[in-house]
Structure formats: structure tokens, C-alpha cells
PDB file of N, CA and C in Angstrom:
ATOM      1  N   MET A   1      13.423   7.594 -19.905  1.00  0.00           N
ATOM      2  CA  MET A   1      13.012   6.745 -18.582  1.00  0.00           C
ATOM      3  C   MET A   1      11.782   7.352 -18.112  1.00  0.00           C
ATOM      4  N   GLY A   2      10.632   8.439 -18.528  1.00  0.00           N
ATOM      5  CA  GLY A   2       9.919   9.192 -18.555  1.00  0.00           C
ATOM      6  C   GLY A   2       8.611   7.908 -19.527  1.00  0.00           C
ATOM      7  N   LEU A   3       9.111   6.794 -20.517  1.00  0.00           N
ATOM      8  CA  LEU A   3       8.389   5.952 -20.910  1.00  0.00           C
ATOM      9  C   LEU A   3       7.930   5.288 -19.548  1.00  0.00           C
ATOM     10  N   PHE A   4       9.203   4.412 -19.129  1.00  0.00           N
ATOM     11  CA  PHE A   4       9.469   3.370 -18.382  1.00  0.00           C
ATOM     12  C   PHE A   4       8.033   4.163 -17.035  1.00  0.00           C
ATOM     13  N   ARG A   5       8.412   5.247 -16.975  1.00  0.00           N
ATOM     14  CA  ARG A   5       7.924   5.503 -15.187  1.00  0.00           C
ATOM     15  C   ARG A   5       5.885   5.241 -15.931  1.00  0.00           C
ATOM     16  N   ARG A   6       5.800   5.962 -17.030  1.00  0.00           N
ATOM     17  CA  ARG A   6       4.493   6.027 -17.716  1.00  0.00           C
ATOM     18  C   ARG A   6       4.039   4.813 -17.639  1.00  0.00           C
ATOM     19  N   ARG A   7       4.621   3.791 -18.231  1.00  0.00           N
ATOM     20  CA  ARG A   7       4.071   2.136 -18.729  1.00  0.00           C
ATOM     21  C   ARG A   7       3.936   1.453 -16.960  1.00  0.00           C
ATOM     22  N   GLY A   8       4.724   2.003 -16.153  1.00  0.00           N
ATOM     23  CA  GLY A   8       4.557   1.118 -15.114  1.00  0.00           C
ATOM     24  C   GLY A   8       3.147   2.156 -14.088  1.00  0.00           C
ATOM     25  N   GLU A   9       3.269   3.457 -14.121  1.00  0.00           N
ATOM     26  CA  GLU A   9       1.928   3.481 -13.770  1.00  0.00           C
ATOM     27  C   GLU A   9       0.492   2.813 -14.281  1.00  0.00           C
ATOM     28  N   ASP A  10       0.701   3.018 -15.742  1.00  0.00           N
ATOM     29  CA  ASP A  10       0.060   2.107 -16.479  1.00  0.00           C
ATOM     30  C   ASP A  10      -0.918   1.240 -15.685  1.00  0.00           C
ATOM     31  N   ASP A  11       0.598   0.182 -15.846  1.00  0.00           N
ATOM     32  CA  ASP A  11       0.239  -0.951 -15.249  1.00  0.00           C
ATOM     33  C   ASP A  11      -0.209  -1.116 -13.978  1.00  0.00           C
ATOM     34  N   ALA A  12      -0.321  -0.162 -12.741  1.00  0.00           N
ATOM     35  CA  ALA A  12      -0.625  -0.164 -11.661  1.00  0.00           C
ATOM     36  C   ALA A  12      -1.698  -0.087 -11.750  1.00  0.00           C
ATOM     37  N   ALA A  13      -2.196   1.163 -12.509  1.00  0.00           N
ATOM     38  CA  ALA A  13      -3.414   1.664 -12.539  1.00  0.00           C
ATOM     39  C   ALA A  13      -3.974   0.370 -12.809  1.00  0.00           C
ATOM     40  N   ARG A  14      -3.885  -0.302 -13.759  1.00  0.00           N
ATOM     41  CA  ARG A  14      -4.660  -1.416 -14.127  1.00  0.00           C
ATOM     42  C   ARG A  14      -4.734  -2.845 -13.550  1.00  0.00           C
ATOM     43  N   LEU A  15      -3.759  -2.685 -12.767  1.00  0.00           N
ATOM     44  CA  LEU A  15      -4.223  -3.856 -11.445  1.00  0.00           C
ATOM     45  C   LEU A  15      -4.851  -3.264 -10.235  1.00  0.00           C
ATOM     46  N   ASP A  16      -4.740  -2.245 -10.349  1.00  0.00           N
ATOM     47  CA  ASP A  16      -5.875  -1.431  -9.001  1.00  0.00           C
ATOM     48  C   ASP A  16      -7.421  -1.816  -9.511  1.00  0.00           C
ATOM     49  N   ALA A  17      -7.457  -1.681 -10.986  1.00  0.00           N
ATOM     50  CA  ALA A  17      -8.815  -1.373 -11.592  1.00  0.00           C
ATOM     51  C   ALA A  17      -9.353  -2.971 -11.280  1.00  0.00           C
ATOM     52  N   ARG A  18      -8.440  -3.755 -11.832  1.00  0.00           N
ATOM     53  CA  ARG A  18      -8.541  -5.217 -12.061  1.00  0.00           C
ATOM     54  C   ARG A  18      -8.869  -5.890 -10.361  1.00  0.00           C
ATOM     55  N   ALA A  19      -8.409  -5.322  -9.258  1.00  0.00           N
ATOM     56  CA  ALA A  19      -8.529  -5.722  -8.223  1.00  0.00           C
ATOM     57  C   ALA A  19     -10.027  -4.955  -7.720  1.00  0.00           C
ATOM     58  N   MET A  20     -10.337  -4.035  -8.288  1.00  0.00           N
ATOM     59  CA  MET A  20     -11.477  -2.877  -7.600  1.00  0.00           C
ATOM     60  C   MET A  20     -12.631  -3.831  -7.961  1.00  0.00           C
ATOM     61  N   ARG A  21     -12.580  -4.326  -9.714  1.00  0.00           N
ATOM     62  CA  ARG A  21     -13.367  -5.088 -10.003  1.00  0.00           C
ATOM     63  C   ARG A  21     -13.632  -6.227  -9.567  1.00  0.00           C
ATOM     64  N   ALA A  22     -12.505  -6.970  -8.941  1.00  0.00           N
ATOM     65  CA  ALA A  22     -12.767  -8.214  -8.565  1.00  0.00           C
ATOM     66  C   ALA A  22     -13.315  -7.925  -7.177  1.00  0.00           C
ATOM     67  N   LEU A  23     -13.300  -7.293  -6.483  1.00  0.00           N
ATOM     68  CA  LEU A  23     -14.243  -6.877  -4.956  1.00  0.00           C
ATOM     69  C   LEU A  23     -15.626  -6.464  -5.732  1.00  0.00           C
ATOM     70  N   GLU A  24     -15.924  -5.759  -6.632  1.00  0.00           N
ATOM     71  CA  GLU A  24     -17.395  -5.665  -6.972  1.00  0.00           C
ATOM     72  C   GLU A  24     -18.040  -7.220  -7.405  1.00  0.00           C
ATOM     73  N   ARG A  25     -17.196  -7.749  -8.006  1.00  0.00           N
ATOM     74  CA  ARG A  25     -17.770  -8.956  -8.144  1.00  0.00           C
ATOM     75  C   ARG A  25     -17.989 -10.036  -7.294  1.00  0.00           C
ATOM     76  N   ARG A  26     -17.393  -9.333  -5.731  1.00  0.00           N
ATOM     77  CA  ARG A  26     -17.793 -10.286  -4.942  1.00  0.00           C
ATOM     78  C   ARG A  26     -19.017  -9.563  -3.671  1.00  0.00           C
ATOM     79  N   GLY A  27     -19.131  -8.890  -5.000  1.00  0.00           N
ATOM     80  CA  GLY A  27     -20.383  -8.112  -3.767  1.00  0.00           C
ATOM     81  C   GLY A  27     -20.039  -6.715  -3.168  1.00  0.00           C
ATOM     82  N   VAL A  28     -18.548  -6.269  -3.283  1.00  0.00           N
ATOM     83  CA  VAL A  28     -18.284  -5.259  -2.036  1.00  0.00           C
ATOM     84  C   VAL A  28     -18.816  -4.053  -2.884  1.00  0.00           C
ATOM     85  N   ASP A  29     -19.751  -2.832  -2.010  1.00  0.00           N
ATOM     86  CA  ASP A  29     -20.214  -1.753  -2.637  1.00  0.00           C
ATOM     87  C   ASP A  29     -18.638  -0.838  -2.252  1.00  0.00           C
ATOM     88  N   LEU A  30     -18.541  -0.586  -3.372  1.00  0.00           N
ATOM     89  CA  LEU A  30     -17.344   0.641  -3.112  1.00  0.00           C
ATOM     90  C   LEU A  30     -17.574   1.925  -2.974  1.00  0.00           C
ATOM     91  N   SER A  31     -19.046   2.245  -2.646  1.00  0.00           N
ATOM     92  CA  SER A  31     -19.111   3.421  -2.327  1.00  0.00           C
ATOM     93  C   SER A  31     -18.988   3.681  -0.921  1.00  0.00           C
ATOM     94  N   ASN A  32     -18.934   2.326  -0.240  1.00  0.00           N
ATOM     95  CA  ASN A  32     -18.649   2.574   1.176  1.00  0.00           C
ATOM     96  C   ASN A  32     -17.452   2.411   1.635  1.00  0.00           C
ATOM     97  N   PRO A  33     -16.870   2.613   3.012  1.00  0.00           N
ATOM     98  CA  PRO A  33     -15.396   3.029   3.328  1.00  0.00           C
ATOM     99  C   PRO A  33     -14.997   1.093   3.771  1.00  0.00           C
ATOM    100  N   LEU A  34     -13.958   1.080   2.725  1.00  0.00           N
ATOM    101  CA  LEU A  34     -12.927  -0.443   3.310  1.00  0.00           C
ATOM    102  C   LEU A  34     -12.224  -0.123   3.936  1.00  0.00           C
ATOM    103  N   ARG A  35     -11.577  -1.519   4.530  1.00  0.00           N
ATOM    104  CA  ARG A  35     -10.253  -1.504   5.316  1.00  0.00           C
ATOM    105  C   ARG A  35      -9.315  -1.748   4.326  1.00  0.00           C
ATOM    106  N   VAL A  36      -8.088  -0.874   3.739  1.00  0.00           N
ATOM    107  CA  VAL A  36      -7.569  -0.750   3.179  1.00  0.00           C
ATOM    108  C   VAL A  36      -6.144  -1.248   3.651  1.00  0.00           C
ATOM    109  N   VAL A  37      -5.232  -2.108   2.968  1.00  0.00           N
ATOM    110  CA  VAL A  37      -3.795  -2.468   3.821  1.00  0.00           C
ATOM    111  C   VAL A  37      -3.090  -2.372   2.624  1.00  0.00           C
ATOM    112  N   HIS A  38      -1.665  -1.844   3.207  1.00  0.00           N
ATOM    113  CA  HIS A  38      -1.007  -1.800   2.700  1.00  0.00           C
ATOM    114  C   HIS A  38       0.591  -2.421   3.143  1.00  0.00           C
ATOM    115  N   ARG A  39       1.027  -3.312   2.295  1.00  0.00           N
ATOM    116  CA  ARG A  39       2.585  -3.791   2.623  1.00  0.00           C
ATOM    117  C   ARG A  39       3.708  -3.257   2.058  1.00  0.00           C
ATOM    118  N   MET A  40       4.878  -3.379   2.881  1.00  0.00           N
ATOM    119  CA  MET A  40       5.751  -2.459   2.529  1.00  0.00           C
ATOM    120  C   MET A  40       7.261  -3.525   3.428  1.00  0.00           C
ATOM    121  N   ASN A  41       8.483  -3.533   2.401  1.00  0.00           N
ATOM    122  CA  ASN A  41       9.427  -4.296   3.204  1.00  0.00           C
ATOM    123  C   ASN A  41      10.734  -3.262   3.076  1.00  0.00           C
ATOM    124  N   PHE A  42      11.389  -3.622   4.255  1.00  0.00           N
ATOM    125  CA  PHE A  42      12.395  -2.798   4.734  1.00  0.00           C
ATOM    126  C   PHE A  42      13.775  -3.755   4.664  1.00  0.00           C
ATOM    127  N   PRO A  43      14.960  -3.567   4.516  1.00  0.00           N
ATOM    128  CA  PRO A  43      15.834  -3.997   4.668  1.00  0.00           C
ATOM    129  C   PRO A  43      16.711  -3.910   6.302  1.00  0.00           C
ATOM    130  N   ASP A  44      15.585  -3.159   7.199  1.00  0.00           N
ATOM    131  CA  ASP A  44      16.195  -2.988   8.174  1.00  0.00           C
ATOM    132  C   ASP A  44      15.009  -2.456   9.359  1.00  0.00           C
ATOM    133  N   ARG A  45      15.440  -2.833  10.699  1.00  0.00           N
ATOM    134  CA  ARG A  45      13.664  -2.755  11.366  1.00  0.00           C
ATOM    135  C   ARG A  45      14.009  -0.950  11.577  1.00  0.00           C
ATOM    136  N   HIS A  46      15.366  -0.460  11.937  1.00  0.00           N
ATOM    137  CA  HIS A  46      15.652   0.932  11.858  1.00  0.00           C
ATOM    138  C   HIS A  46      14.719   1.857  11.176  1.00  0.00           C
ATOM    139  N   THR A  47      14.813   1.172   9.526  1.00  0.00           N
ATOM    140  CA  THR A  47      14.295   1.746   8.355  1.00  0.00           C
ATOM    141  C   THR A  47      12.686   1.932   8.227  1.00  0.00           C
ATOM    142  N   ALA A  48      12.222   0.426   8.740  1.00  0.00           N
ATOM    143  CA  ALA A  48      10.731   0.135   8.710  1.00  0.00           C
ATOM    144  C   ALA A  48      10.580   0.710  10.170  1.00  0.00           C
ATOM    145  N   GLU A  49      10.872   1.122  10.944  1.00  0.00           N
ATOM    146  CA  GLU A  49      10.090   1.931  11.546  1.00  0.00           C
ATOM    147  C   GLU A  49       9.777   3.764  11.690  1.00  0.00           C
ATOM    148  N   ALA A  50      10.860   4.249  10.933  1.00  0.00           N
ATOM    149  CA  ALA A  50      10.900   5.233  10.614  1.00  0.00           C
ATOM    150  C   ALA A  50       9.919   5.449   9.597  1.00  0.00           C
ATOM    151  N   ALA A  51       9.982   5.011   8.518  1.00  0.00           N
ATOM    152  CA  ALA A  51       8.625   4.619   7.875  1.00  0.00           C
ATOM    153  C   ALA A  51       7.317   4.406   8.489  1.00  0.00           C
ATOM    154  N   ALA A  52       7.275   3.511   9.364  1.00  0.00           N
ATOM    155  CA  ALA A  52       6.143   3.550  10.502  1.00  0.00           C
ATOM    156  C   ALA A  52       5.277   5.156  10.879  1.00  0.00           C
ATOM    157  N   ALA A  53       6.414   5.054  11.616  1.00  0.00           N
ATOM    158  CA  ALA A  53       6.349   6.465  12.758  1.00  0.00           C
ATOM    159  C   ALA A  53       5.345   7.540  11.157  1.00  0.00           C
ATOM    160  N   THR A  54       6.239   7.381  10.363  1.00  0.00           N
ATOM    161  CA  THR A  54       5.791   8.981   9.551  1.00  0.00           C
ATOM    162  C   THR A  54       4.093   8.269   9.094  1.00  0.00           C
ATOM    163  N   LEU A  55       4.340   7.175   8.385  1.00  0.00           N
ATOM    164  CA  LEU A  55       2.357   6.666   8.696  1.00  0.00           C
ATOM    165  C   LEU A  55       1.624   7.262   9.482  1.00  0.00           C
ATOM    166  N   ARG A  56       1.947   6.889  10.726  1.00  0.00           N
ATOM    167  CA  ARG A  56       1.282   7.313  11.943  1.00  0.00           C
ATOM    168  C   ARG A  56       0.733   8.614  11.979  1.00  0.00           C
ATOM    169  N   ASP A  57       1.776   9.113  11.750  1.00  0.00           N
ATOM    170  CA  ASP A  57       1.826  10.656  11.884  1.00  0.00           C
ATOM    171  C   ASP A  57       0.761  11.301  10.733  1.00  0.00           C
ATOM    172  N   GLU A  58       0.392  10.279   9.488  1.00  0.00           N
ATOM    173  CA  GLU A  58      -0.249  10.496   8.643  1.00  0.00           C
ATOM    174  C   GLU A  58      -1.797   9.765   8.735  1.00  0.00           C
ATOM    175  N   GLY A  59      -1.605   9.154  10.011  1.00  0.00           N
ATOM    176  CA  GLY A  59      -3.154   8.925   9.871  1.00  0.00           C
ATOM    177  C   GLY A  59      -3.794   7.109   9.836  1.00  0.00           C
ATOM    178  N   TRP A  60      -2.295   6.762   9.542  1.00  0.00           N
ATOM    179  CA  TRP A  60      -2.625   5.111   9.309  1.00  0.00           C
ATOM    180  C   TRP A  60      -2.166   4.450  10.398  1.00  0.00           C
ATOM    181  N   SER A  61      -2.973   3.327  10.761  1.00  0.00           N
ATOM    182  CA  SER A  61      -2.626   1.994  11.704  1.00  0.00           C
ATOM    183  C   SER A  61      -1.912   1.456  11.026  1.00  0.00           C
ATOM    184  N   VAL A  62      -0.499   1.173  12.020  1.00  0.00           N
ATOM    185  CA  VAL A  62       0.524   0.637  11.371  1.00  0.00           C
ATOM    186  C   VAL A  62       1.330  -0.624  12.184  1.00  0.00           C
ATOM    187  N   ALA A  63       1.665  -1.751  11.953  1.00  0.00           N
ATOM    188  CA  ALA A  63       2.545  -2.518  12.514  1.00  0.00           C
ATOM    189  C   ALA A  63       3.622  -2.588  12.076  1.00  0.00           C
ATOM    190  N   THR A  64       5.004  -3.350  12.321  1.00  0.00           N
ATOM    191  CA  THR A  64       5.870  -3.908  11.762  1.00  0.00           C
ATOM    192  C   THR A  64       6.105  -4.963  12.874  1.00  0.00           C
ATOM    193  N   ASP A  65       6.380  -5.947  11.941  1.00  0.00           N
ATOM    194  CA  ASP A  65       7.468  -7.538  12.156  1.00  0.00           C
ATOM    195  C   ASP A  65       8.507  -7.684  11.368  1.00  0.00           C
ATOM    196  N   ALA A  66       9.302  -8.380  11.822  1.00  0.00           N
ATOM    197  CA  ALA A  66      10.581  -8.934  11.396  1.00  0.00           C
ATOM    198  C   ALA A  66      10.622  -9.693  10.407  1.00  0.00           C
ATOM    199  N   MET A  67      10.644  -9.846   9.255  1.00  0.00           N
ATOM    200  CA  MET A  67      10.689 -10.943   7.983  1.00  0.00           C
ATOM    201  C   MET A  67      11.012 -12.319   8.296  1.00  0.00           C
ATOM    202  N   ALA A  68      10.593 -13.249   8.123  1.00  0.00           N
ATOM    203  CA  ALA A  68      10.735 -14.879   8.472  1.00  0.00           C
ATOM    204  C   ALA A  68      12.474 -14.869   8.267  1.00  0.00           C
ATOM    205  N   PHE A  69      13.217 -14.486   7.033  1.00  0.00           N
ATOM    206  CA  PHE A  69      14.402 -14.622   6.941  1.00  0.00           C
ATOM    207  C   PHE A  69      15.237 -13.370   6.963  1.00  0.00           C
ATOM    208  N   GLY A  70      16.484 -13.137   7.350  1.00  0.00           N
ATOM    209  CA  GLY A  70      17.299 -12.030   7.306  1.00  0.00           C
ATOM    210  C   GLY A  70      17.314 -11.013   8.218  1.00  0.00           C
ATOM    211  N   SER A  71      17.658  -9.857   7.990  1.00  0.00           N
ATOM    212  CA  SER A  71      17.668  -8.778   8.913  1.00  0.00           C
ATOM    213  C   SER A  71      16.350  -7.579   8.509  1.00  0.00           C
ATOM    214  N   GLY A  72      15.647  -8.134   7.947  1.00  0.00           N
ATOM    215  CA  GLY A  72      14.734  -7.140   7.117  1.00  0.00           C
ATOM    216  C   GLY A  72      13.544  -7.208   7.868  1.00  0.00           C
ATOM    217  N   SER A  73      12.407  -5.776   7.828  1.00  0.00           N
ATOM    218  CA  SER A  73      11.053  -5.807   8.773  1.00  0.00           C
ATOM    219  C   SER A  73       9.893  -5.423   7.339  1.00  0.00           C
ATOM    220  N   VAL A  74       8.907  -5.979   7.811  1.00  0.00           N
ATOM    221  CA  VAL A  74       7.547  -5.734   6.914  1.00  0.00           C
ATOM    222  C   VAL A  74       7.007  -4.318   7.850  1.00  0.00           C
ATOM    223  N   VAL A  75       6.575  -3.941   7.003  1.00  0.00           N
ATOM    224  CA  VAL A  75       5.581  -2.747   7.573  1.00  0.00           C
ATOM    225  C   VAL A  75       4.200  -2.878   6.794  1.00  0.00           C
ATOM    226  N   ARG A  76       3.370  -3.106   7.870  1.00  0.00           N
ATOM    227  CA  ARG A  76       1.688  -2.887   7.259  1.00  0.00           C
ATOM    228  C   ARG A  76       0.851  -1.992   7.835  1.00  0.00           C
ATOM    229  N   ALA A  77       0.113  -0.792   6.884  1.00  0.00           N
ATOM    230  CA  ALA A  77      -0.242   0.129   7.033  1.00  0.00           C
ATOM    231  C   ALA A  77      -1.729  -0.298   6.963  1.00  0.00           C
ATOM    232  N   GLU A  78      -3.097   0.205   8.079  1.00  0.00           N
ATOM    233  CA  GLU A  78      -3.906  -0.194   7.368  1.00  0.00           C
ATOM    234  C   GLU A  78      -4.914   1.487   8.020  1.00  0.00           C
ATOM    235  N   ARG A  79      -5.895   1.695   7.155  1.00  0.00           N
ATOM    236  CA  ARG A  79      -6.880   2.677   6.982  1.00  0.00           C
ATOM    237  C   ARG A  79      -7.915   2.454   6.379  1.00  0.00           C
ATOM    238  N   GLU A  80      -9.145   2.998   7.338  1.00  0.00           N
ATOM    239  CA  GLU A  80     -10.317   2.784   6.400  1.00  0.00           C
ATOM    240  C   GLU A  80     -10.881   3.783   5.314  1.00  0.00           C
ATOM    241  N   ARG A  81     -10.983   3.440   4.565  1.00  0.00           N
ATOM    242  CA  ARG A  81     -11.312   4.604   3.295  1.00  0.00           C
ATOM    243  C   ARG A  81     -12.240   4.544   2.129  1.00  0.00           C
ATOM    244  N   VAL A  82     -13.016   5.266   0.911  1.00  0.00           N
ATOM    245  CA  VAL A  82     -13.732   4.975   0.436  1.00  0.00           C
ATOM    246  C   VAL A  82     -12.532   4.457  -0.804  1.00  0.00           C
ATOM    247  N   LEU A  83     -12.465   3.538  -1.341  1.00  0.00           N
ATOM    248  CA  LEU A  83     -11.540   2.758  -3.084  1.00  0.00           C
ATOM    249  C   LEU A  83     -11.995   3.220  -3.944  1.00  0.00           C
ATOM    250  N   THR A  84     -10.953   4.300  -4.324  1.00  0.00           N
ATOM    251  CA  THR A  84     -11.663   4.923  -5.795  1.00  0.00           C
ATOM    252  C   THR A  84     -10.008   4.795  -6.628  1.00  0.00           C
ATOM    253  N   PRO A  85     -10.372   4.805  -8.047  1.00  0.00           N
ATOM    254  CA  PRO A  85      -8.799   4.749  -8.623  1.00  0.00           C
ATOM    255  C   PRO A  85      -8.261   5.813  -8.266  1.00  0.00           C
ATOM    256  N   ALA A  86      -8.537   7.084  -7.898  1.00  0.00           N
ATOM    257  CA  ALA A  86      -7.592   8.373  -7.254  1.00  0.00           C
ATOM    258  C   ALA A  86      -7.086   7.761  -6.283  1.00  0.00           C
ATOM    259  N   SER A  87      -8.121   7.205  -5.250  1.00  0.00           N
ATOM    260  CA  SER A  87      -7.163   7.110  -3.926  1.00  0.00           C
ATOM    261  C   SER A  87      -6.150   5.701  -4.070  1.00  0.00           C
ATOM    262  N   CYS A  88      -6.253   5.032  -4.817  1.00  0.00           N
ATOM    263  CA  CYS A  88      -5.594   3.683  -5.152  1.00  0.00           C
ATOM    264  C   CYS A  88      -3.973   4.467  -5.567  1.00  0.00           C
ATOM    265  N   ALA A  89      -4.166   5.311  -6.606  1.00  0.00           N
ATOM    266  CA  ALA A  89      -3.216   5.988  -7.651  1.00  0.00           C
ATOM    267  C   ALA A  89      -2.271   6.956  -6.089  1.00  0.00           C
ATOM    268  N   ALA A  90      -3.054   7.355  -5.363  1.00  0.00           N
ATOM    269  CA  ALA A  90      -2.631   8.814  -4.648  1.00  0.00           C
ATOM    270  C   ALA A  90      -1.839   7.449  -3.643  1.00  0.00           C
ATOM    271  N   ASP A  91      -2.301   6.533  -2.858  1.00  0.00           N
ATOM    272  CA  ASP A  91      -1.743   5.642  -1.955  1.00  0.00           C
ATOM    273  C   ASP A  91      -0.370   4.784  -2.488  1.00  0.00           C
ATOM    274  N   ARG A  92      -0.776   4.021  -3.729  1.00  0.00           N
ATOM    275  CA  ARG A  92       0.585   3.575  -4.353  1.00  0.00           C
ATOM    276  C   ARG A  92       1.808   4.716  -4.322  1.00  0.00           C
ATOM    277  N   GLU A  93       1.400   5.999  -5.253  1.00  0.00           N
ATOM    278  CA  GLU A  93       2.565   6.962  -5.070  1.00  0.00           C
ATOM    279  C   GLU A  93       3.297   7.327  -3.612  1.00  0.00           C
ATOM    280  N   ARG A  94       2.089   7.805  -2.485  1.00  0.00           N
ATOM    281  CA  ARG A  94       2.943   7.644  -1.399  1.00  0.00           C
ATOM    282  C   ARG A  94       3.706   6.707  -0.752  1.00  0.00           C
ATOM    283  N   PHE A  95       3.483   5.505  -0.993  1.00  0.00           N
ATOM    284  CA  PHE A  95       3.996   4.633  -0.530  1.00  0.00           C
ATOM    285  C   PHE A  95       5.433   3.826  -1.146  1.00  0.00           C
ATOM    286  N   GLN A  96       5.192   4.062  -2.337  1.00  0.00           N
ATOM    287  CA  GLN A  96       6.427   3.685  -3.098  1.00  0.00           C
ATOM    288  C   GLN A  96       7.073   4.923  -2.917  1.00  0.00           C
ATOM    289  N   ALA A  97       7.196   6.163  -2.621  1.00  0.00           N
ATOM    290  CA  ALA A  97       7.947   7.430  -1.980  1.00  0.00           C
ATOM    291  C   ALA A  97       8.605   6.492  -1.064  1.00  0.00           C
ATOM    292  N   LEU A  98       7.923   6.066   0.220  1.00  0.00           N
ATOM    293  CA  LEU A  98       8.329   6.093   0.937  1.00  0.00           C
ATOM    294  C   LEU A  98       9.815   4.577   1.023  1.00  0.00           C
ATOM    295  N   VAL A  99       9.344   3.690   0.439  1.00  0.00           N
ATOM    296  CA  VAL A  99      10.378   2.161   0.350  1.00  0.00           C
ATOM    297  C   VAL A  99      11.084   2.837  -0.838  1.00  0.00           C
ATOM    298  N   ARG A 100      11.485   3.816  -1.363  1.00  0.00           N
ATOM    299  CA  ARG A 100      12.316   4.403  -2.171  1.00  0.00           C
ATOM    300  C   ARG A 100      13.546   5.009  -1.120  1.00  0.00           C
ATOM    301  N   ALA A 101      12.737   6.119  -0.988  1.00  0.00           N
ATOM    302  CA  ALA A 101      13.539   6.054   0.223  1.00  0.00           C
ATOM    303  C   ALA A 101      14.354   5.758   1.345  1.00  0.00           C
ATOM    304  N   GLY A 102      13.466   4.360   1.960  1.00  0.00           N
ATOM    305  CA  GLY A 102      14.483   3.522   3.085  1.00  0.00           C
ATOM    306  C   GLY A 102      14.756   2.215   2.114  1.00  0.00           C
ATOM    307  N   ALA A 103      15.406   2.460   0.513  1.00  0.00           N
ATOM    308  CA  ALA A 103      15.600   1.437  -0.410  1.00  0.00           C
ATOM    309  C   ALA A 103      14.691   0.026   0.121  1.00  0.00           C
ATOM    310  N   GLY A 104      13.433   0.339  -0.094  1.00  0.00           N
ATOM    311  CA  GLY A 104      12.684  -1.130   0.390  1.00  0.00           C
ATOM    312  C   GLY A 104      11.698  -1.637  -0.712  1.00  0.00           C
ATOM    313  N   ASP A 105      10.817  -2.176  -0.330  1.00  0.00           N
ATOM    314  CA  ASP A 105       9.738  -2.767  -2.014  1.00  0.00           C
ATOM    315  C   ASP A 105       8.465  -2.389  -1.350  1.00  0.00           C
ATOM    316  N   TYR A 106       7.500  -2.094  -2.265  1.00  0.00           N
ATOM    317  CA  TYR A 106       5.967  -2.057  -1.824  1.00  0.00           C
ATOM    318  C   TYR A 106       5.412  -3.238  -2.207  1.00  0.00           C
ATOM    319  N   ASP A 107       5.038  -4.163  -1.466  1.00  0.00           N
ATOM    320  CA  ASP A 107       4.306  -5.079  -1.909  1.00  0.00           C
ATOM    321  C   ASP A 107       3.086  -5.176  -2.313  1.00  0.00           C
ATOM    322  N   GLY A 108       2.258  -4.230  -2.016  1.00  0.00           N
ATOM    323  CA  GLY A 108       0.983  -3.881  -2.750  1.00  0.00           C
ATOM    324  C   GLY A 108      -0.298  -3.789  -1.733  1.00  0.00           C
ATOM    325  N   TRP A 109      -1.408  -4.010  -1.923  1.00  0.00           N
ATOM    326  CA  TRP A 109      -2.753  -3.732  -1.087  1.00  0.00           C
ATOM    327  C   TRP A 109      -3.655  -4.631  -1.235  1.00  0.00           C
ATOM    328  N   GLU A 110      -4.298  -4.974  -0.058  1.00  0.00           N
ATOM    329  CA  GLU A 110      -5.775  -5.464  -0.349  1.00  0.00           C
ATOM    330  C   GLU A 110      -6.553  -4.662   0.604  1.00  0.00           C
ATOM    331  N   ALA A 111      -7.929  -4.720   0.705  1.00  0.00           N
ATOM    332  CA  ALA A 111      -9.069  -4.538   0.775  1.00  0.00           C
ATOM    333  C   ALA A 111     -10.461  -5.382   1.387  1.00  0.00           C
ATOM    334  N   ALA A 112     -11.217  -4.937   2.198  1.00  0.00           N
ATOM    335  CA  ALA A 112     -12.240  -6.073   2.536  1.00  0.00           C
ATOM    336  C   ALA A 112     -13.047  -5.013   3.330  1.00  0.00           C
ATOM    337  N   PRO A 113     -14.439  -5.041   3.357  1.00  0.00           N
ATOM    338  CA  PRO A 113     -15.211  -4.202   3.940  1.00  0.00           C
ATOM    339  C   PRO A 113     -14.627  -4.303   5.441  1.00  0.00           C
ATOM    340  N   ALA A 114     -15.212  -2.978   5.882  1.00  0.00           N
ATOM    341  CA  ALA A 114     -14.786  -2.390   7.078  1.00  0.00           C
ATOM    342  C   ALA A 114     -15.754  -3.162   8.104  1.00  0.00           C
ATOM    343  N   ALA A 115     -14.881  -3.503   9.138  1.00  0.00           N
ATOM    344  CA  ALA A 115     -15.884  -3.919  10.187  1.00  0.00           C
ATOM    345  C   ALA A 115     -16.896  -3.862  10.799  1.00  0.00           C
TER     346      ALA A 115
END
């Protein structure tokens, strides 16, 4: 099982690095804080709201919405921060732990210059 986890972590790190390079190619200065947005999907509103409350307590700005189909909910968490490989890894680990606890799915992140 450790082999699979390691490969998944390596794949995630590669994807994060690719996204960071794409931002730099667009002229984004990664030494400045960016608005980083993470998305998660949960099977029901109650689970989504519990995750959202946890993230708010951790300083994230959070919104929840019903999914277009079914009874699931989407959680969107955002915060301004300097984007680094370490911050990407820490965020991914945190959000994946939340979705595992709530039987949800982590849908990834995006970043843009802060307003």
C-alpha cells in the first residue's frame, strides 16, 4: 500500500509543479500571495457543512452549494497565500483528509493573483 500512496503523492506533486509553472508562464509572480481555491464534493449537505465549519475555524473563506444533480454538496475554500510546493502538498493533505473523513472527493485547486 505504501507504494501506491507514494506514487499518488509523486503524481500530485508533479501536477502541482505543472500548475505552478503554468502560472509563471502567464506572468504570475509566485513570490506574491495568490488567491488559492480548493474544491471538494461531499455526498450530502450535512457532511459538507461540517467540513466547511472546520475550514472556517482554520481561517479559510468557505462557500457550500448543492450539486447540480443528486443530494451532494460542493465546498469551495479559498485563502490568499504564497504558493509553494510545500504549501500545495500541505493543502492537498489537509483537504484529502477532510474528504476521506466525510466520504467525499477532492476536486483540486486553482490559483490567481489576489485582488
